Amino acid sequence: MLDIIRAEESVLAGILSRRQTDEEAVAPAVAAIIRDVRERGDAALLDYTGRFDGVKLASGDLRVTEAEMAAAPRELGTELLAALNGAARAIEEFHRRQLERSWFTCGPDGEVLGQMVSPLARVGVYVPGGRAAYPSSVLMNVLPAKVAGVPEIVLVTPPGGDGSVNPAVLAAAQMAGATEVYRVGGAQAVAALAYGTGSIRPVDKITGPGNVYVTCAKKQVFGRVGIDMPAGPSEVVVVGDGSVPASFAALDLIAQAEHDPRAWAILVTPDAGWAQAVRQMVLEKAAGLPRREVIEAALRDYGLILLTTGLEEAVAVAARLAPEHLELLVREPFTWLGRVQNAGAVFLGGQAPVAVGDYLAGPNHVLPTAGAARFCSPLGVYDFMRRTGIVYYTPEALARDAGAVGLLARREGLEAHARAVEERLGR
């Protein structure tokens, strides 16, 4: 567990090649579920909920009632409710800074060009169940949609064994502004959001994390609807120079491993002594934790400590790995921030563990994984908005540009394009 090895090219290539999910294996089953939901609607949802979640529901039971929503906050302690409210305020305040505005500009001959920014009409948010309840994921997905101005925000989540939805999830959904909540999960929930059933109307875009079946389903329905980003097991890369207590780095690695037995937890450092201290701390502090088996499985199969010749190489290794979370546990983190590439979120210094970003800091915790940080951004308000180009021309502006448009159109073999302009000028 947590082998310490040199960060050689062959090692990095091996890490990157192992970043494969089981999507190919489950793809046929997912396709069959999607097809079944398209054909049978609610009946298929009910069958799969009984089979996978062990809950027998009727069609009218799929939607969480207003009474259940209203009762949920009363089931939480005052401290937990206050924590959720504090997180919601921070997340909403951060995401309001991402709002884009429509803009227009007027040209020299009276033409008007611009971009109109408007919210999507209806979005679906997937919130995982299973191992734990995730009210934080509710806030991180629903609040950006609310800030964007989306009028209909539909939340789906697997039911518990008694058919209920965790009250913390419902309280967060109410707090964040979800307009509909359904007790259905898995690939079948994704299919329902994409194609609609008798109970669930289709949406324009689906966001939110989930297991391999959910991730595969989102990819298969992409094109019918939008999706947020590729998603896989959670990841952290901790870059350290030995200036931060080893226990800090150890617990940050353990915290990531706690998510899932397939979570990645990698330490990169030029300090071999500190690396050994971190490894020892991991072994000590993982003992006795409630999710010890999950932690040990993740650290055994996906945990690693990489030694580099210096801090510059460590930062370069992190860029190569393109992690979901990157921690810079170094003396001068802002000095190194400018060299950071390919990270979903960056946590600077010894007092900013990933955990604060997971819950309360404000930036979104729905982040690209499996190297997608090379081309994807965190979930944000911009994911729930569309941009529309605006063009208005006067006769003078059209006459000015007609020659160039005609030349370009005919070079591309599109004669009707050229004539569409010339007709308006009487040519």
Protein backbone atom coordinates (compact mmCIF):
# COMPACT_ATOMS: atom_id res chain seq x y z
CA MET A 1 0.00 0.00 0.00
CA LEU A 2 1.38 3.38 -1.08
CA ASP A 3 4.59 2.16 -2.68
CA ILE A 4 7.32 4.79 -2.97
CA ILE A 5 8.87 4.81 -6.44
CA ARG A 6 10.72 7.14 -8.77
CA ALA A 7 8.53 9.22 -11.08
CA GLU A 8 9.95 7.83 -14.30
CA GLU A 9 8.25 8.04 -17.67
CA SER A 10 7.34 4.35 -17.67
CA VAL A 11 5.68 4.75 -14.28
CA LEU A 12 3.62 7.74 -15.41
CA ALA A 13 2.60 5.95 -18.59
CA GLY A 14 1.47 3.00 -16.48
CA ILE A 15 -0.62 5.24 -14.22
CA LEU A 16 -2.29 6.90 -17.18
CA SER A 17 -3.03 3.59 -18.91
CA ARG A 18 -4.74 2.26 -15.77
CA ARG A 19 -7.17 5.17 -15.81
CA GLN A 20 -9.76 3.06 -17.50
CA THR A 21 -13.29 2.57 -16.27
CA ASP A 22 -15.44 -0.50 -16.70
CA GLU A 23 -17.68 1.32 -19.19
CA GLU A 24 -16.99 -1.03 -22.08
CA ALA A 25 -18.06 -3.98 -19.96
CA VAL A 26 -21.35 -2.40 -18.88
CA ALA A 27 -22.17 -0.58 -22.13
CA PRO A 28 -24.43 -3.32 -23.59
CA ALA A 29 -26.43 -3.60 -20.35
CA VAL A 30 -26.77 0.18 -20.16
CA ALA A 31 -27.95 0.37 -23.77
CA ALA A 32 -30.58 -2.26 -23.03
CA ILE A 33 -31.83 -0.32 -19.99
CA ILE A 34 -32.07 2.91 -21.97
CA ARG A 35 -33.96 1.16 -24.77
CA ASP A 36 -36.34 -0.43 -22.27
CA VAL A 37 -37.08 2.90 -20.57
CA ARG A 38 -37.73 4.52 -23.95
CA GLU A 39 -40.18 1.78 -24.83
CA ARG A 40 -41.94 1.12 -21.51
CA GLY A 41 -41.48 4.38 -19.59
CA ASP A 42 -42.58 4.26 -15.95
CA ALA A 43 -43.10 0.50 -16.01
CA ALA A 44 -39.42 0.00 -16.77
CA LEU A 45 -38.40 2.46 -14.05
CA LEU A 46 -40.47 0.59 -11.50
CA ASP A 47 -39.07 -2.78 -12.56
CA TYR A 48 -35.46 -1.60 -12.31
CA THR A 49 -36.08 0.13 -8.98
CA GLY A 50 -37.38 -3.15 -7.63
CA ARG A 51 -34.50 -5.14 -9.11
CA PHE A 52 -31.57 -2.86 -8.27
CA ASP A 53 -32.78 -0.95 -5.20
CA GLY A 54 -35.00 -3.61 -3.68
CA VAL A 55 -37.95 -1.20 -3.48
CA LYS A 56 -41.42 -1.85 -4.84
CA LEU A 57 -43.02 1.41 -5.98
CA ALA A 58 -46.12 2.35 -7.90
CA SER A 59 -45.98 4.91 -10.71
CA GLY A 60 -47.48 7.60 -8.48
CA ASP A 61 -44.71 7.03 -5.92
CA LEU A 62 -41.84 8.11 -8.15
CA ARG A 63 -42.15 11.82 -7.44
CA VAL A 64 -41.28 13.02 -3.94
CA THR A 65 -44.29 14.85 -2.54
CA GLU A 66 -44.41 18.43 -1.30
CA ALA A 67 -45.18 17.10 2.18
CA GLU A 68 -41.98 15.02 2.17
CA MET A 69 -39.99 18.02 1.01
CA ALA A 70 -41.46 20.25 3.70
CA ALA A 71 -40.82 17.68 6.44
CA ALA A 72 -37.20 16.99 5.53
CA PRO A 73 -35.54 20.02 7.19
CA ARG A 74 -37.32 19.20 10.46
CA GLU A 75 -35.61 15.81 10.51
CA LEU A 76 -32.15 17.38 10.57
CA GLY A 77 -30.41 18.71 13.63
CA THR A 78 -30.01 22.48 13.89
CA GLU A 79 -26.23 22.24 13.46
CA LEU A 80 -26.44 20.21 10.25
CA LEU A 81 -29.12 22.51 8.87
CA ALA A 82 -26.98 25.54 9.69
CA ALA A 83 -23.97 23.93 8.00
CA LEU A 84 -26.00 23.26 4.85
CA ASN A 85 -27.27 26.83 4.84
CA GLY A 86 -23.74 28.18 5.23
CA ALA A 87 -22.50 26.00 2.39
CA ALA A 88 -25.40 27.08 0.18
CA ARG A 89 -24.62 30.76 0.77
CA ALA A 90 -20.93 30.33 -0.05
CA ILE A 91 -21.61 28.26 -3.16
CA GLU A 92 -24.25 30.65 -4.46
CA GLU A 93 -22.09 33.72 -3.84
CA PHE A 94 -19.14 32.17 -5.67
CA HIS A 95 -21.23 31.10 -8.65
CA ARG A 96 -22.94 34.49 -9.03
CA ARG A 97 -19.53 35.80 -10.14
CA GLN A 98 -19.72 33.45 -13.14
CA LEU A 99 -22.85 35.01 -14.60
CA GLU A 100 -22.44 36.10 -18.21
CA ARG A 101 -24.36 38.98 -19.76
CA SER A 102 -25.73 39.47 -23.23
CA TRP A 103 -23.87 42.08 -25.26
CA PHE A 104 -24.38 44.01 -28.50
CA THR A 105 -22.16 46.23 -30.60
CA CYS A 106 -23.02 48.61 -33.45
CA GLY A 107 -20.87 48.75 -36.59
CA PRO A 108 -19.97 51.72 -38.82
CA ASP A 109 -22.86 51.15 -41.26
CA GLY A 110 -25.55 50.54 -38.68
CA GLU A 111 -25.17 46.78 -38.42
CA VAL A 112 -25.71 45.25 -34.98
CA LEU A 113 -23.79 42.18 -33.79
CA GLY A 114 -23.99 40.54 -30.41
CA GLN A 115 -24.41 37.55 -28.20
CA MET A 116 -27.59 36.75 -26.33
CA VAL A 117 -27.10 34.70 -23.16
CA SER A 118 -30.08 32.82 -21.77
CA PRO A 119 -30.66 29.91 -19.37
CA LEU A 120 -31.59 26.41 -20.40
CA ALA A 121 -35.28 25.65 -19.93
CA ARG A 122 -35.12 22.36 -18.04
CA VAL A 123 -32.17 20.45 -16.56
CA GLY A 124 -31.75 17.16 -14.73
CA VAL A 125 -29.42 16.63 -11.77
CA TYR A 126 -28.29 13.16 -10.75
CA VAL A 127 -27.40 12.72 -7.08
CA PRO A 128 -25.82 9.37 -6.12
CA GLY A 129 -27.11 7.15 -3.36
CA GLY A 130 -25.88 3.74 -2.33
CA ARG A 131 -22.86 4.02 -0.03
CA ALA A 132 -23.86 7.42 1.39
CA ALA A 133 -26.14 10.45 1.01
CA TYR A 134 -24.68 13.48 -0.74
CA PRO A 135 -26.47 16.75 0.09
CA SER A 136 -23.29 18.57 -0.93
CA SER A 137 -23.71 17.27 -4.49
CA VAL A 138 -27.26 18.62 -4.47
CA LEU A 139 -26.01 22.11 -3.63
CA MET A 140 -23.13 21.97 -6.13
CA ASN A 141 -25.40 21.00 -9.03
CA VAL A 142 -28.66 22.77 -8.30
CA LEU A 143 -27.35 26.16 -7.15
CA PRO A 144 -25.42 26.98 -10.36
CA ALA A 145 -28.56 26.12 -12.35
CA LYS A 146 -30.62 28.35 -10.10
CA VAL A 147 -28.12 31.21 -10.43
CA ALA A 148 -28.22 30.77 -14.21
CA GLY A 149 -31.99 31.25 -14.10
CA VAL A 150 -33.06 27.74 -15.14
CA PRO A 151 -36.82 27.61 -14.37
CA GLU A 152 -37.13 23.82 -14.08
CA ILE A 153 -34.50 21.85 -12.14
CA VAL A 154 -35.26 18.14 -11.84
CA LEU A 155 -33.39 16.02 -9.30
CA VAL A 156 -33.21 12.22 -9.41
CA THR A 157 -31.66 10.01 -6.73
CA PRO A 158 -31.94 6.33 -5.77
CA PRO A 159 -34.39 5.54 -2.96
CA GLY A 160 -33.38 3.93 0.30
CA GLY A 161 -34.43 0.41 1.22
CA ASP A 162 -37.75 1.67 2.57
CA GLY A 163 -38.44 3.78 -0.52
CA SER A 164 -37.62 7.08 1.16
CA VAL A 165 -35.10 9.70 0.08
CA ASN A 166 -32.53 10.83 2.63
CA PRO A 167 -33.87 13.93 4.42
CA ALA A 168 -30.54 15.76 4.10
CA VAL A 169 -30.75 15.35 0.31
CA LEU A 170 -34.34 16.61 0.29
CA ALA A 171 -33.53 19.54 2.58
CA ALA A 172 -30.61 20.54 0.33
CA ALA A 173 -32.82 20.20 -2.77
CA GLN A 174 -35.43 22.48 -1.23
CA MET A 175 -32.78 24.94 -0.06
CA ALA A 176 -31.04 25.08 -3.45
CA GLY A 177 -34.20 25.45 -5.55
CA ALA A 178 -34.91 22.07 -7.17
CA THR A 179 -38.41 22.16 -8.63
CA GLU A 180 -39.00 18.38 -8.91
CA VAL A 181 -37.46 15.39 -7.10
CA TYR A 182 -37.85 11.74 -8.14
CA ARG A 183 -36.82 8.58 -6.27
CA VAL A 184 -35.12 6.76 -9.12
CA GLY A 185 -31.45 6.11 -9.80
CA GLY A 186 -29.04 4.30 -12.07
CA ALA A 187 -28.94 4.23 -15.85
CA GLN A 188 -32.73 4.09 -15.86
CA ALA A 189 -32.93 7.54 -14.25
CA VAL A 190 -30.61 8.97 -16.89
CA ALA A 191 -32.75 7.43 -19.62
CA ALA A 192 -35.90 8.90 -18.06
CA LEU A 193 -34.34 12.37 -17.97
CA ALA A 194 -33.21 12.10 -21.59
CA TYR A 195 -36.33 10.60 -23.19
CA GLY A 196 -39.10 11.14 -20.67
CA THR A 197 -41.64 8.74 -19.19
CA GLY A 198 -45.21 9.10 -18.03
CA SER A 199 -44.06 10.66 -14.75
CA ILE A 200 -40.86 12.45 -15.80
CA ARG A 201 -40.70 14.94 -18.65
CA PRO A 202 -37.43 15.05 -20.61
CA VAL A 203 -34.75 17.65 -19.86
CA ASP A 204 -32.26 19.57 -21.97
CA LYS A 205 -29.12 18.67 -20.03
CA ILE A 206 -28.04 16.16 -17.36
CA THR A 207 -25.38 16.90 -14.73
CA GLY A 208 -24.09 15.17 -11.64
CA PRO A 209 -21.78 12.28 -10.69
CA GLY A 210 -22.66 8.61 -10.46
CA ASN A 211 -21.31 5.09 -10.75
CA VAL A 212 -20.05 3.49 -13.94
CA TYR A 213 -23.60 2.70 -15.12
CA VAL A 214 -24.68 6.31 -14.68
CA THR A 215 -21.55 7.64 -16.38
CA CYS A 216 -21.96 5.24 -19.29
CA ALA A 217 -25.65 6.12 -19.62
CA LYS A 218 -24.88 9.84 -19.73
CA LYS A 219 -22.43 9.26 -22.56
CA GLN A 220 -24.93 7.14 -24.47
CA VAL A 221 -27.70 9.75 -24.30
CA PHE A 222 -25.38 12.63 -25.18
CA GLY A 223 -26.69 14.26 -28.35
CA ARG A 224 -30.25 13.68 -27.31
CA VAL A 225 -29.43 15.88 -24.31
CA GLY A 226 -26.34 17.72 -23.12
CA ILE A 227 -24.17 16.37 -20.31
CA ASP A 228 -21.71 18.10 -18.02
CA MET A 229 -18.44 16.18 -18.45
CA PRO A 230 -16.81 12.74 -18.41
CA ALA A 231 -16.78 11.41 -14.86
CA GLY A 232 -14.91 8.64 -13.12
CA PRO A 233 -13.53 7.77 -9.69
CA SER A 234 -12.38 10.71 -7.56
CA GLU A 235 -8.70 11.73 -7.57
CA VAL A 236 -6.16 13.77 -5.67
CA VAL A 237 -2.54 14.54 -6.43
CA VAL A 238 -0.68 16.09 -3.51
CA VAL A 239 2.53 17.93 -4.37
CA GLY A 240 4.66 18.58 -1.28
CA ASP A 241 8.11 19.90 -0.44
CA GLY A 242 8.25 18.60 3.14
CA SER A 243 7.36 21.94 4.72
CA VAL A 244 3.89 20.82 5.81
CA PRO A 245 3.31 18.24 8.57
CA ALA A 246 3.22 14.72 7.17
CA SER A 247 -0.08 14.11 8.95
CA PHE A 248 -1.76 16.79 6.79
CA ALA A 249 -0.77 15.08 3.55
CA ALA A 250 -1.58 11.65 4.95
CA LEU A 251 -5.11 12.57 5.92
CA ASP A 252 -5.72 14.29 2.58
CA LEU A 253 -4.75 11.08 0.78
CA ILE A 254 -6.92 9.02 3.12
CA ALA A 255 -9.85 11.41 2.67
CA GLN A 256 -9.74 10.91 -1.08
CA ALA A 257 -9.44 7.13 -0.73
CA GLU A 258 -12.47 7.21 1.57
CA HIS A 259 -14.72 8.06 -1.39
CA ASP A 260 -14.46 4.85 -3.34
CA PRO A 261 -12.26 1.73 -3.61
CA ARG A 262 -11.29 3.00 -7.08
CA ALA A 263 -10.33 6.53 -5.96
CA TRP A 264 -6.86 7.78 -6.84
CA ALA A 265 -4.56 9.15 -4.11
CA ILE A 266 -1.05 10.10 -5.25
CA LEU A 267 1.71 12.02 -3.47
CA VAL A 268 4.49 13.65 -5.50
CA THR A 269 7.54 15.03 -3.68
CA PRO A 270 11.30 15.47 -3.99
CA ASP A 271 11.71 14.82 -0.23
CA ALA A 272 12.25 11.08 0.36
CA GLY A 273 12.26 11.44 4.14
CA TRP A 274 8.96 13.29 4.14
CA ALA A 275 7.54 10.67 1.76
CA GLN A 276 8.37 7.94 4.26
CA ALA A 277 6.81 9.96 7.08
CA VAL A 278 3.62 10.49 5.08
CA ARG A 279 3.39 6.79 4.29
CA GLN A 280 3.78 5.87 7.95
CA MET A 281 1.13 8.41 8.94
CA VAL A 282 -1.26 6.97 6.37
CA LEU A 283 -0.90 3.51 7.89
CA GLU A 284 -1.47 4.84 11.41
CA LYS A 285 -4.37 7.19 10.70
CA ALA A 286 -6.31 4.86 8.41
CA ALA A 287 -6.61 2.33 11.22
CA GLY A 288 -9.94 2.43 13.00
CA LEU A 289 -11.73 4.68 10.50
CA PRO A 290 -15.32 3.66 9.67
CA ARG A 291 -14.55 3.15 5.96
CA ARG A 292 -11.21 1.48 6.52
CA GLU A 293 -11.86 -1.32 4.02
CA VAL A 294 -12.69 1.16 1.27
CA ILE A 295 -9.63 3.27 2.13
CA GLU A 296 -7.26 0.33 2.15
CA ALA A 297 -8.60 -0.99 -1.15
CA ALA A 298 -8.14 2.40 -2.85
CA LEU A 299 -4.65 2.97 -1.43
CA ARG A 300 -3.60 -0.58 -2.28
CA ASP A 301 -4.76 -0.46 -5.89
CA TYR A 302 -4.60 3.25 -6.76
CA GLY A 303 -2.39 4.87 -4.14
CA LEU A 304 1.21 5.80 -4.87
CA ILE A 305 4.08 8.04 -3.75
CA LEU A 306 6.26 9.39 -6.56
CA LEU A 307 9.73 10.77 -5.91
CA THR A 308 11.09 13.54 -8.13
CA THR A 309 14.43 15.32 -8.44
CA GLY A 310 12.91 18.65 -7.44
CA LEU A 311 9.72 20.62 -6.96
CA GLU A 312 9.67 21.77 -10.57
CA GLU A 313 9.57 18.16 -11.75
CA ALA A 314 6.86 17.40 -9.16
CA VAL A 315 4.63 20.14 -10.57
CA ALA A 316 5.30 18.88 -14.10
CA VAL A 317 4.33 15.35 -13.05
CA ALA A 318 1.08 16.70 -11.61
CA ALA A 319 0.34 18.43 -14.92
CA ARG A 320 0.92 15.16 -16.73
CA LEU A 321 -1.55 13.38 -14.43
CA ALA A 322 -4.17 16.16 -14.87
CA PRO A 323 -5.93 15.35 -11.59
CA GLU A 324 -9.39 16.24 -10.40
CA HIS A 325 -7.91 17.79 -7.23
CA LEU A 326 -4.37 19.16 -6.92
CA GLU A 327 -2.92 20.20 -3.56
CA LEU A 328 0.21 22.34 -3.38
CA LEU A 329 1.55 21.65 0.13
CA VAL A 330 4.60 23.86 -0.36
CA ARG A 331 6.20 26.88 1.30
CA GLU A 332 5.25 29.36 -1.42
CA PRO A 333 2.12 27.97 -3.10
CA PHE A 334 1.25 31.15 -5.00
CA THR A 335 4.72 31.15 -6.53
CA TRP A 336 4.00 27.75 -8.04
CA LEU A 337 0.38 28.41 -8.99
CA GLY A 338 1.41 30.07 -12.25
CA ARG A 339 3.08 26.82 -13.33
CA VAL A 340 0.05 24.67 -12.68
CA GLN A 341 -1.61 23.11 -15.70
CA ASN A 342 -4.39 20.56 -16.07
CA ALA A 343 -6.17 20.44 -12.72
CA GLY A 344 -9.85 20.53 -11.93
CA ALA A 345 -9.29 22.50 -8.73
CA VAL A 346 -6.14 23.66 -6.95
CA PHE A 347 -5.78 23.86 -3.16
CA LEU A 348 -2.98 26.11 -2.00
CA GLY A 349 -0.96 25.66 1.17
CA GLY A 350 -1.27 23.59 4.30
CA GLN A 351 -4.55 25.09 5.50
CA ALA A 352 -6.68 24.34 2.40
CA PRO A 353 -7.50 20.61 2.32
CA VAL A 354 -9.72 19.27 -0.45
CA ALA A 355 -12.43 18.73 2.18
CA VAL A 356 -13.16 22.47 2.43
CA GLY A 357 -13.70 22.56 -1.32
CA ASP A 358 -15.93 19.51 -1.16
CA TYR A 359 -18.36 21.25 1.15
CA LEU A 360 -18.05 24.91 2.01
CA ALA A 361 -15.45 27.05 0.25
CA GLY A 362 -17.64 27.95 -2.75
CA PRO A 363 -16.00 26.66 -5.96
CA ASN A 364 -17.78 23.68 -7.45
CA HIS A 365 -16.76 20.17 -6.45
CA VAL A 366 -18.12 18.60 -9.65
CA LEU A 367 -14.79 18.38 -11.45
CA PRO A 368 -13.28 16.61 -14.46
CA THR A 369 -11.62 13.28 -13.70
CA ALA A 370 -9.54 10.68 -15.54
CA GLY A 371 -7.36 13.31 -17.20
CA ALA A 372 -10.31 15.33 -18.54
CA ALA A 373 -8.94 18.40 -16.73
CA ARG A 374 -6.82 18.84 -19.87
CA PHE A 375 -9.93 20.00 -21.74
CA CYS A 376 -12.82 20.32 -19.25
CA SER A 377 -13.69 22.86 -16.55
CA PRO A 378 -15.52 22.50 -13.24
CA LEU A 379 -19.30 22.56 -13.33
CA GLY A 380 -20.49 26.16 -13.28
CA VAL A 381 -23.24 28.60 -14.14
CA TYR A 382 -21.99 28.60 -17.74
CA ASP A 383 -23.01 24.92 -18.04
CA PHE A 384 -26.65 25.90 -17.61
CA MET A 385 -26.70 28.73 -20.16
CA ARG A 386 -26.67 28.91 -23.93
CA ARG A 387 -25.16 31.62 -26.10
CA THR A 388 -26.89 32.78 -29.27
CA GLY A 389 -25.21 34.91 -31.93
CA ILE A 390 -27.16 37.98 -33.10
CA VAL A 391 -26.78 39.58 -36.56
CA TYR A 392 -28.61 42.66 -37.93
CA TYR A 393 -27.46 44.28 -41.21
CA THR A 394 -28.48 47.49 -42.91
CA PRO A 395 -28.52 47.82 -46.72
CA GLU A 396 -25.29 49.81 -46.48
CA ALA A 397 -23.56 47.13 -44.42
CA LEU A 398 -24.73 44.39 -46.78
CA ALA A 399 -23.50 46.30 -49.83
CA ARG A 400 -20.12 46.76 -48.14
CA ASP A 401 -19.65 43.04 -47.44
CA ALA A 402 -21.45 41.51 -50.45
CA GLY A 403 -18.36 41.18 -52.62
CA ALA A 404 -16.35 39.32 -49.99
CA VAL A 405 -19.27 37.06 -49.08
CA GLY A 406 -19.87 36.19 -52.74
CA LEU A 407 -16.19 35.48 -53.33
CA LEU A 408 -15.92 33.18 -50.33
CA ALA A 409 -19.20 31.41 -51.07
CA ARG A 410 -18.28 30.67 -54.69
CA ARG A 411 -14.81 29.46 -53.64
CA GLU A 412 -16.63 26.89 -51.49
CA GLY A 413 -18.97 25.94 -54.32
CA LEU A 414 -22.06 27.41 -52.66
CA GLU A 415 -23.62 29.53 -55.40
CA ALA A 416 -26.96 30.00 -53.61
CA HIS A 417 -25.16 31.61 -50.68
CA ALA A 418 -23.73 34.26 -52.98
CA ARG A 419 -27.04 34.84 -54.72
CA ALA A 420 -28.89 35.16 -51.41
CA VAL A 421 -26.80 38.28 -50.77
CA GLU A 422 -26.88 39.66 -54.32
CA GLU A 423 -30.67 39.30 -54.59
CA ARG A 424 -31.09 41.75 -51.74
CA LEU A 425 -28.93 44.28 -53.59
CA GLY A 426 -30.71 43.91 -56.92
CA ARG A 427 -27.69 42.41 -58.59
